[in-house]
Protein backbone atom coordinates (compact mmCIF):
# COMPACT_ATOMS: atom_id res chain seq x y z
CA MET A 1 205.98 35.49 133.96
CA ARG A 2 206.77 36.77 130.46
CA PHE A 3 204.96 39.91 129.27
CA THR A 4 202.97 39.12 126.12
CA GLY A 5 200.35 41.89 126.10
CA THR A 6 200.31 45.03 124.04
CA ILE A 7 200.27 48.58 125.29
CA LEU A 8 198.75 51.22 123.07
CA LEU A 9 198.87 54.94 123.76
CA PHE A 10 196.74 57.81 122.59
CA VAL A 11 197.14 61.41 123.62
CA GLY A 12 194.73 64.11 122.50
CA THR A 13 193.85 67.70 123.14
CA LEU A 14 191.02 68.44 125.50
CA LEU A 15 187.78 70.01 124.50
CA LEU A 16 186.56 71.84 127.58
CA ALA A 17 183.16 70.17 127.63
CA GLY A 18 182.53 67.64 130.40
CA SER A 19 181.42 64.07 129.86
CA ALA A 20 178.83 61.85 131.44
CA GLY A 21 179.58 58.41 132.78
CA ALA A 22 183.24 58.93 133.69
CA GLU A 23 184.42 58.83 137.26
CA GLN A 24 185.06 62.35 138.53
CA ASN A 25 188.09 63.08 140.71
CA SER A 26 190.10 65.90 142.08
CA ASP A 27 193.25 64.02 143.01
CA THR A 28 195.85 66.65 143.72
CA ASN A 29 198.87 64.87 145.12
CA SER A 30 201.27 67.03 143.10
CA SER A 31 201.59 70.79 143.34
CA ALA A 32 202.72 70.83 139.69
CA GLY A 33 199.38 69.55 138.41
CA SER A 34 196.60 67.07 138.99
CA VAL A 35 194.35 64.41 137.56
CA VAL A 36 190.75 65.62 137.40
CA ARG A 37 189.32 62.37 135.97
CA ALA A 38 190.55 58.79 135.92
CA VAL A 39 188.54 55.79 134.77
CA PHE A 40 188.95 52.31 133.31
CA THR A 41 186.90 51.88 130.15
CA THR A 42 186.37 49.42 127.32
CA THR A 43 185.51 52.06 124.72
CA ILE A 44 186.64 55.58 123.93
CA SER A 45 184.76 57.67 121.39
CA GLU A 46 185.59 61.25 120.44
CA ARG A 47 188.31 61.23 123.14
CA GLU A 48 185.84 60.36 125.92
CA PRO A 49 185.37 57.10 127.88
CA GLN A 50 182.03 55.48 127.10
CA ASP A 51 181.76 53.29 130.21
CA SER A 52 183.36 52.88 133.61
CA VAL A 53 184.80 49.47 134.52
CA VAL A 54 185.71 48.10 137.96
CA GLU A 55 185.33 44.40 137.06
CA LEU A 56 186.26 42.77 133.77
CA MET A 57 185.71 39.19 132.64
CA ASN A 58 188.78 37.33 131.37
CA ASP A 59 187.24 36.88 127.92
CA SER A 60 187.22 40.66 127.35
CA GLY A 61 190.82 40.92 126.17
CA LYS A 62 191.41 44.68 126.43
CA ILE A 63 190.93 47.58 128.84
CA MET A 64 191.91 51.25 128.71
CA PHE A 65 192.92 53.68 131.45
CA PHE A 66 191.72 57.22 130.70
CA THR A 67 193.04 60.26 132.57
CA GLU A 68 192.38 63.97 132.30
CA PHE A 69 195.26 66.11 133.52
CA LYS A 70 195.16 69.75 134.63
CA GLY A 71 198.07 72.15 135.06
CA MET A 72 200.76 69.88 133.60
CA SER A 73 201.41 71.39 130.16
CA GLY A 74 204.87 70.51 128.84
CA GLN A 75 205.43 67.76 131.42
CA THR A 76 205.67 64.01 131.00
CA ALA A 77 203.13 61.74 132.70
CA ILE A 78 203.27 57.96 133.06
CA HIS A 79 200.67 55.22 133.37
CA ARG A 80 202.14 52.38 135.45
CA TRP A 81 200.23 49.09 134.99
CA GLU A 82 200.69 46.57 137.84
CA TYR A 83 199.43 43.02 138.33
CA GLN A 84 200.00 41.05 141.54
CA GLY A 85 202.57 43.63 142.68
CA LYS A 86 204.59 43.38 139.46
CA VAL A 87 204.99 46.30 137.06
CA MET A 88 203.71 45.01 133.72
CA ALA A 89 204.20 48.24 131.76
CA GLU A 90 205.00 51.93 132.09
CA VAL A 91 203.61 54.15 129.36
CA PRO A 92 205.00 57.71 129.19
CA PHE A 93 203.41 60.55 127.25
CA GLN A 94 203.82 64.30 126.88
CA ILE A 95 201.12 66.63 128.21
CA GLY A 96 200.46 69.18 125.48
CA ALA A 97 198.09 71.71 127.07
CA GLU A 98 196.76 73.06 130.38
CA ARG A 99 193.94 70.48 130.25
CA TRP A 100 194.85 67.23 128.50
CA ARG A 101 193.20 63.85 128.04
CA ALA A 102 195.27 60.72 127.52
CA TRP A 103 194.83 56.97 127.74
CA SER A 104 196.77 53.79 127.48
CA SER A 105 195.39 50.33 126.81
CA LYS A 106 196.35 46.85 127.88
CA ASN A 107 195.69 43.60 126.08
CA LEU A 108 195.05 41.08 128.85
CA GLU A 109 195.83 37.38 128.89
CA PRO A 110 192.86 35.27 130.12
CA SER A 111 195.06 33.78 132.85
CA TRP A 112 195.74 37.19 134.47
CA ILE A 113 192.90 36.84 136.98
CA GLY A 114 192.78 39.12 139.99
CA GLU A 115 193.51 42.69 141.00
CA TRP A 116 195.11 45.16 138.61
CA GLN A 117 196.27 48.66 139.49
CA VAL A 118 197.20 51.60 137.31
CA THR A 119 198.93 54.64 138.74
CA ALA A 120 199.29 57.97 136.97
CA LEU A 121 202.64 59.54 137.85
CA ASP A 122 204.16 62.92 137.09
CA GLU A 123 207.64 63.25 135.58
CA SER A 124 209.24 63.24 139.05
CA GLY A 125 207.59 59.93 139.91
CA ASN A 126 204.99 61.47 142.23
CA GLU A 127 201.69 59.61 142.34
CA LEU A 128 198.83 61.66 140.92
CA THR A 129 196.12 59.01 141.21
CA THR A 130 195.71 55.23 141.44
CA ARG A 131 192.78 53.11 140.30
CA ASN A 132 192.09 49.37 140.52
CA PHE A 133 190.03 46.90 138.56
CA GLU A 134 189.53 43.19 139.00
CA MET A 135 189.66 40.61 136.24
CA LYS A 136 187.39 37.66 136.92
CA THR A 137 186.94 34.24 135.34
CA VAL A 138 183.97 33.78 133.04
CA ALA A 139 181.60 31.15 134.43
CA PRO A 140 181.61 28.05 132.21
CA SER A 141 178.50 27.58 130.08
CA ALA A 142 176.14 24.76 130.90
CA PRO A 143 176.24 21.87 128.38
CA ALA A 144 173.61 22.17 125.65
CA SER A 145 171.73 19.19 127.09
CA MET A 146 171.23 21.08 130.39
CA ARG A 147 169.89 24.33 128.87
């Protein structure tokens, strides 16, 4: 399969206020830092996810993986996007402060139905957190004569 999607990356400083609607975590698989929030979203506004997605229809086109890191200032983190066991993209970014929000996005082909996984890794390749979402096929519309 040839990769035809687009990966976008945004990294921003963290305002210390919390947000509603984002999945809360305290994944701490690395002694050098942790992910305190991780969520799939379709919209980010003012550096905050506006929804939480676990299922996405294949006519949606794009999804973002948002993470909030703690204790990793000066390190590199990676978002590894996987589909059907194949790494589709790895997006590295620099963590710029003690608490840091970052996200990457994936443009999805309608044929990429099934389970997706994104793992946030530290610069040594240690898993910080993993999240999954499922892309499903949109049900065909009934013909106009049947509506």
